[in-house]
């Protein structure tokens, strides 16, 4: 079904996408080996690049690099530090050992 410049499914596939195909939101079936349940997927692209897919199962697929200011991990081992702070700390500790 057309909705302006977008297509909205009406057949149970749970899809919303732009007519050019550079934007898509849909609900996927459970991936193989999962405990079950559907997950959402978001794709954003553009004519000048391949696009980015963010899957509700915790994966991000890109055709290139990901740029961000920092990355935080949910593991208790990281003690609330961002990845950038951890790498700087490791760099300084290795540098101190070399002196």
N, C-alpha and C. Protein backbone atom coordinates (compact mmCIF):
# COMPACT_ATOMS: atom_id res chain seq x y z
N UNK A 1 0.85 -1.15 0.00
CA UNK A 1 0.00 0.00 0.00
C UNK A 1 0.91 1.24 0.00
N UNK A 2 0.64 2.19 -0.86
CA UNK A 2 1.42 3.42 -0.97
C UNK A 2 1.05 4.38 0.15
N UNK A 3 2.08 5.02 0.70
CA UNK A 3 1.92 6.02 1.74
C UNK A 3 2.90 7.14 1.41
N UNK A 4 2.49 8.05 0.52
CA UNK A 4 3.41 9.08 0.04
C UNK A 4 4.55 8.45 -0.74
N UNK A 5 5.78 8.72 -0.33
CA UNK A 5 6.95 8.15 -0.98
C UNK A 5 7.37 6.83 -0.35
N UNK A 6 6.48 6.22 0.45
CA UNK A 6 6.80 4.98 1.14
C UNK A 6 5.81 3.89 0.78
N UNK A 7 6.26 2.65 0.99
CA UNK A 7 5.42 1.47 0.82
C UNK A 7 5.20 0.90 2.21
N UNK A 8 3.97 0.57 2.54
CA UNK A 8 3.63 -0.06 3.81
C UNK A 8 2.95 -1.39 3.47
N UNK A 9 3.49 -2.48 4.01
CA UNK A 9 2.90 -3.79 3.72
C UNK A 9 1.55 -3.94 4.38
N UNK A 10 0.73 -4.75 3.78
CA UNK A 10 -0.58 -5.08 4.35
C UNK A 10 -0.81 -6.58 4.24
N UNK A 11 0.32 -7.33 4.22
CA UNK A 11 0.23 -8.78 4.02
C UNK A 11 0.87 -9.59 5.14
N UNK A 12 1.11 -8.94 6.30
CA UNK A 12 1.69 -9.66 7.43
C UNK A 12 3.21 -9.67 7.45
N UNK A 13 3.88 -9.04 6.47
CA UNK A 13 5.34 -9.03 6.45
C UNK A 13 5.94 -7.92 7.31
N UNK A 14 5.12 -7.02 7.82
CA UNK A 14 5.56 -5.95 8.73
C UNK A 14 6.69 -5.12 8.14
N UNK A 15 6.48 -4.55 6.99
CA UNK A 15 7.50 -3.82 6.26
C UNK A 15 7.07 -2.37 6.00
N UNK A 16 7.99 -1.45 6.22
CA UNK A 16 7.86 -0.06 5.81
C UNK A 16 9.14 0.28 5.09
N UNK A 17 9.06 0.72 3.82
CA UNK A 17 10.27 1.06 3.08
C UNK A 17 9.99 2.23 2.15
N UNK A 18 11.06 2.96 1.86
CA UNK A 18 10.93 4.05 0.91
C UNK A 18 10.84 3.46 -0.50
N UNK A 19 10.22 4.17 -1.40
CA UNK A 19 10.09 3.67 -2.77
C UNK A 19 11.44 3.53 -3.46
N UNK A 20 12.43 4.33 -3.06
CA UNK A 20 13.77 4.21 -3.65
C UNK A 20 14.56 3.07 -3.01
N UNK A 21 14.10 2.55 -1.88
CA UNK A 21 14.76 1.42 -1.24
C UNK A 21 15.88 1.78 -0.28
N UNK A 22 16.10 3.07 0.00
CA UNK A 22 17.21 3.48 0.85
C UNK A 22 16.82 3.56 2.33
N UNK A 23 15.59 3.28 2.65
CA UNK A 23 15.14 3.24 4.03
C UNK A 23 14.18 2.07 4.17
N UNK A 24 14.39 1.25 5.21
CA UNK A 24 13.52 0.08 5.38
C UNK A 24 13.48 -0.29 6.86
N UNK A 25 12.29 -0.51 7.38
CA UNK A 25 12.07 -1.02 8.73
C UNK A 25 11.18 -2.22 8.59
N UNK A 26 11.57 -3.32 9.20
CA UNK A 26 10.71 -4.49 9.14
C UNK A 26 10.95 -5.40 10.33
N UNK A 27 10.06 -6.33 10.49
CA UNK A 27 10.17 -7.34 11.53
C UNK A 27 10.57 -8.64 10.87
N UNK A 28 11.63 -9.23 11.36
CA UNK A 28 12.15 -10.47 10.79
C UNK A 28 11.72 -11.66 11.65
N UNK A 29 11.74 -12.83 11.06
CA UNK A 29 11.52 -14.04 11.83
C UNK A 29 12.73 -14.31 12.71
N UNK A 30 12.60 -15.21 13.64
CA UNK A 30 13.70 -15.53 14.55
C UNK A 30 14.87 -16.13 13.77
N UNK A 31 16.12 -15.69 14.03
CA UNK A 31 17.27 -16.28 13.35
C UNK A 31 17.52 -17.71 13.81
N UNK A 32 18.18 -18.49 12.99
CA UNK A 32 18.43 -19.90 13.30
C UNK A 32 19.24 -20.01 14.59
N UNK A 33 18.83 -20.90 15.46
CA UNK A 33 19.52 -21.13 16.73
C UNK A 33 19.10 -20.19 17.85
N UNK A 34 18.18 -19.27 17.56
CA UNK A 34 17.76 -18.33 18.60
C UNK A 34 16.71 -18.97 19.49
N UNK A 35 16.49 -18.39 20.67
CA UNK A 35 15.45 -18.93 21.55
C UNK A 35 14.04 -18.66 21.05
N UNK A 36 13.91 -17.91 19.97
CA UNK A 36 12.59 -17.66 19.39
C UNK A 36 12.22 -16.20 19.46
N UNK A 37 11.16 -15.86 18.78
CA UNK A 37 10.68 -14.48 18.76
C UNK A 37 11.20 -13.71 17.58
N UNK A 38 10.39 -12.80 17.09
CA UNK A 38 10.80 -11.95 15.97
C UNK A 38 11.74 -10.86 16.46
N UNK A 39 12.45 -10.26 15.52
CA UNK A 39 13.28 -9.10 15.84
C UNK A 39 13.12 -8.07 14.75
N UNK A 40 13.39 -6.82 15.09
CA UNK A 40 13.25 -5.73 14.13
C UNK A 40 14.57 -5.50 13.41
N UNK A 41 14.46 -4.92 12.22
CA UNK A 41 15.63 -4.58 11.42
C UNK A 41 15.42 -3.20 10.84
N UNK A 42 16.46 -2.36 10.88
CA UNK A 42 16.41 -1.02 10.32
C UNK A 42 17.55 -0.88 9.32
N UNK A 43 17.23 -0.48 8.10
CA UNK A 43 18.25 -0.25 7.07
C UNK A 43 18.15 1.19 6.61
N UNK A 44 19.28 1.87 6.59
CA UNK A 44 19.35 3.23 6.09
C UNK A 44 20.52 3.28 5.11
N UNK A 45 20.24 3.70 3.89
CA UNK A 45 21.27 3.76 2.86
C UNK A 45 21.19 5.05 2.11
N UNK A 46 21.89 5.08 1.02
CA UNK A 46 21.90 6.26 0.18
C UNK A 46 22.62 5.96 -1.12
N UNK A 47 22.42 6.79 -2.10
CA UNK A 47 22.98 6.53 -3.41
C UNK A 47 24.50 6.54 -3.41
N UNK A 48 25.13 7.30 -2.50
CA UNK A 48 26.59 7.41 -2.50
C UNK A 48 27.30 6.37 -1.65
N UNK A 49 26.57 5.50 -0.94
CA UNK A 49 27.20 4.48 -0.10
C UNK A 49 26.27 3.29 0.05
N UNK A 50 26.81 2.22 0.63
CA UNK A 50 26.06 0.98 0.70
C UNK A 50 24.99 0.91 1.75
N UNK A 51 25.12 1.69 2.82
CA UNK A 51 24.09 1.67 3.84
C UNK A 51 24.49 0.93 5.09
N UNK A 52 23.64 1.03 6.09
CA UNK A 52 23.85 0.42 7.40
C UNK A 52 22.58 -0.34 7.77
N UNK A 53 22.75 -1.55 8.26
CA UNK A 53 21.62 -2.33 8.76
C UNK A 53 21.83 -2.57 10.25
N UNK A 54 20.84 -2.21 11.05
CA UNK A 54 20.87 -2.47 12.48
C UNK A 54 19.82 -3.53 12.77
N UNK A 55 20.25 -4.65 13.29
CA UNK A 55 19.35 -5.76 13.57
C UNK A 55 19.06 -5.83 15.06
N UNK A 56 17.83 -6.13 15.40
CA UNK A 56 17.43 -6.25 16.79
C UNK A 56 18.04 -7.42 17.52
N UNK A 57 18.84 -8.23 16.84
CA UNK A 57 19.52 -9.35 17.49
C UNK A 57 20.92 -8.95 17.94
N UNK A 58 21.22 -7.63 17.87
CA UNK A 58 22.49 -7.14 18.37
C UNK A 58 23.60 -7.04 17.34
N UNK A 59 23.28 -7.02 16.07
CA UNK A 59 24.32 -6.90 15.05
C UNK A 59 24.11 -5.62 14.25
N UNK A 60 25.23 -5.07 13.78
CA UNK A 60 25.23 -3.93 12.89
C UNK A 60 26.05 -4.32 11.68
N UNK A 61 25.46 -4.25 10.50
CA UNK A 61 26.16 -4.58 9.27
C UNK A 61 26.40 -3.31 8.48
N UNK A 62 27.66 -3.06 8.13
CA UNK A 62 27.99 -1.90 7.31
C UNK A 62 28.85 -2.35 6.14
N UNK A 63 28.93 -1.54 5.16
CA UNK A 63 29.83 -1.82 4.06
C UNK A 63 31.20 -1.21 4.29
N UNK A 64 31.40 -0.58 5.43
CA UNK A 64 32.65 0.10 5.70
C UNK A 64 32.90 0.24 7.18
N UNK A 65 33.22 1.43 7.62
CA UNK A 65 33.58 1.67 9.01
C UNK A 65 32.41 2.25 9.79
N UNK A 66 32.53 2.18 11.10
CA UNK A 66 31.57 2.79 12.01
C UNK A 66 32.30 3.88 12.78
N UNK A 67 31.76 5.08 12.82
CA UNK A 67 32.38 6.18 13.54
C UNK A 67 31.50 6.59 14.70
N UNK A 68 32.12 6.72 15.88
CA UNK A 68 31.38 7.16 17.07
C UNK A 68 32.38 7.75 18.06
N UNK A 69 31.88 8.46 19.05
CA UNK A 69 32.77 9.07 20.02
C UNK A 69 33.30 8.08 21.04
N UNK A 70 32.57 7.03 21.36
CA UNK A 70 33.02 6.00 22.29
C UNK A 70 32.08 4.81 22.23
N UNK A 71 32.51 3.70 22.79
CA UNK A 71 31.73 2.47 22.84
C UNK A 71 31.72 1.99 24.29
N UNK A 72 30.54 1.70 24.80
CA UNK A 72 30.42 1.20 26.16
C UNK A 72 29.94 -0.25 26.10
N UNK A 73 30.62 -1.12 26.85
CA UNK A 73 30.27 -2.53 26.88
C UNK A 73 29.48 -2.82 28.15
N UNK A 74 28.60 -3.79 28.10
CA UNK A 74 27.74 -4.09 29.25
C UNK A 74 28.35 -5.08 30.22
N UNK A 75 29.54 -5.52 29.99
CA UNK A 75 30.20 -6.49 30.86
C UNK A 75 30.65 -5.80 32.14
N UNK A 76 30.48 -6.45 33.29
CA UNK A 76 30.87 -5.85 34.57
C UNK A 76 32.39 -5.65 34.64
N UNK A 77 33.15 -6.38 33.87
CA UNK A 77 34.61 -6.27 33.86
C UNK A 77 35.06 -4.87 33.43
N UNK A 78 34.28 -4.18 32.62
CA UNK A 78 34.68 -2.88 32.12
C UNK A 78 34.48 -1.76 33.13
N UNK A 79 33.82 -2.03 34.23
CA UNK A 79 33.63 -1.07 35.33
C UNK A 79 33.07 0.27 34.88
N UNK A 80 32.22 0.27 33.87
CA UNK A 80 31.60 1.50 33.40
C UNK A 80 32.48 2.37 32.51
N UNK A 81 33.69 1.92 32.22
CA UNK A 81 34.57 2.68 31.33
C UNK A 81 34.15 2.49 29.89
N UNK A 82 34.37 3.50 29.08
CA UNK A 82 34.19 3.37 27.65
C UNK A 82 35.42 2.70 27.04
N UNK A 83 35.28 2.19 25.84
CA UNK A 83 36.38 1.50 25.17
C UNK A 83 37.58 2.43 24.96
N UNK A 84 37.31 3.70 24.66
CA UNK A 84 38.38 4.66 24.45
C UNK A 84 39.23 4.83 25.73
N UNK A 85 38.58 4.95 26.86
CA UNK A 85 39.31 5.10 28.13
C UNK A 85 40.12 3.85 28.44
N UNK A 86 39.55 2.67 28.18
CA UNK A 86 40.28 1.43 28.42
C UNK A 86 41.52 1.33 27.55
N UNK A 87 41.39 1.68 26.26
CA UNK A 87 42.54 1.62 25.36
C UNK A 87 43.62 2.62 25.76
N UNK A 88 43.23 3.81 26.16
CA UNK A 88 44.21 4.80 26.63
C UNK A 88 44.93 4.30 27.87
N UNK A 89 44.20 3.69 28.80
CA UNK A 89 44.80 3.16 30.01
C UNK A 89 45.80 2.05 29.67
N UNK A 90 45.43 1.13 28.79
CA UNK A 90 46.34 0.06 28.38
C UNK A 90 47.57 0.62 27.69
N UNK A 91 47.40 1.61 26.84
CA UNK A 91 48.51 2.25 26.14
C UNK A 91 49.49 2.86 27.14
N UNK A 92 48.95 3.56 28.14
CA UNK A 92 49.82 4.17 29.16
C UNK A 92 50.53 3.12 29.99
N UNK A 93 49.88 2.04 30.33
CA UNK A 93 50.51 0.97 31.12
C UNK A 93 51.62 0.27 30.34
N UNK A 94 51.37 0.00 29.07
CA UNK A 94 52.42 -0.63 28.23
C UNK A 94 53.58 0.35 28.06
N UNK A 95 53.29 1.63 27.87
CA UNK A 95 54.34 2.63 27.75
C UNK A 95 55.19 2.70 29.01
N UNK A 96 54.56 2.60 30.18
CA UNK A 96 55.30 2.64 31.44
C UNK A 96 56.20 1.41 31.59
N UNK A 97 55.78 0.26 31.08
CA UNK A 97 56.61 -0.95 31.14
C UNK A 97 57.83 -0.84 30.23
N UNK A 98 57.70 -0.12 29.12
CA UNK A 98 58.79 0.01 28.16
C UNK A 98 59.87 0.97 28.65
N UNK A 99 59.54 1.86 29.57
CA UNK A 99 60.52 2.86 30.03
C UNK A 99 61.52 2.29 30.95
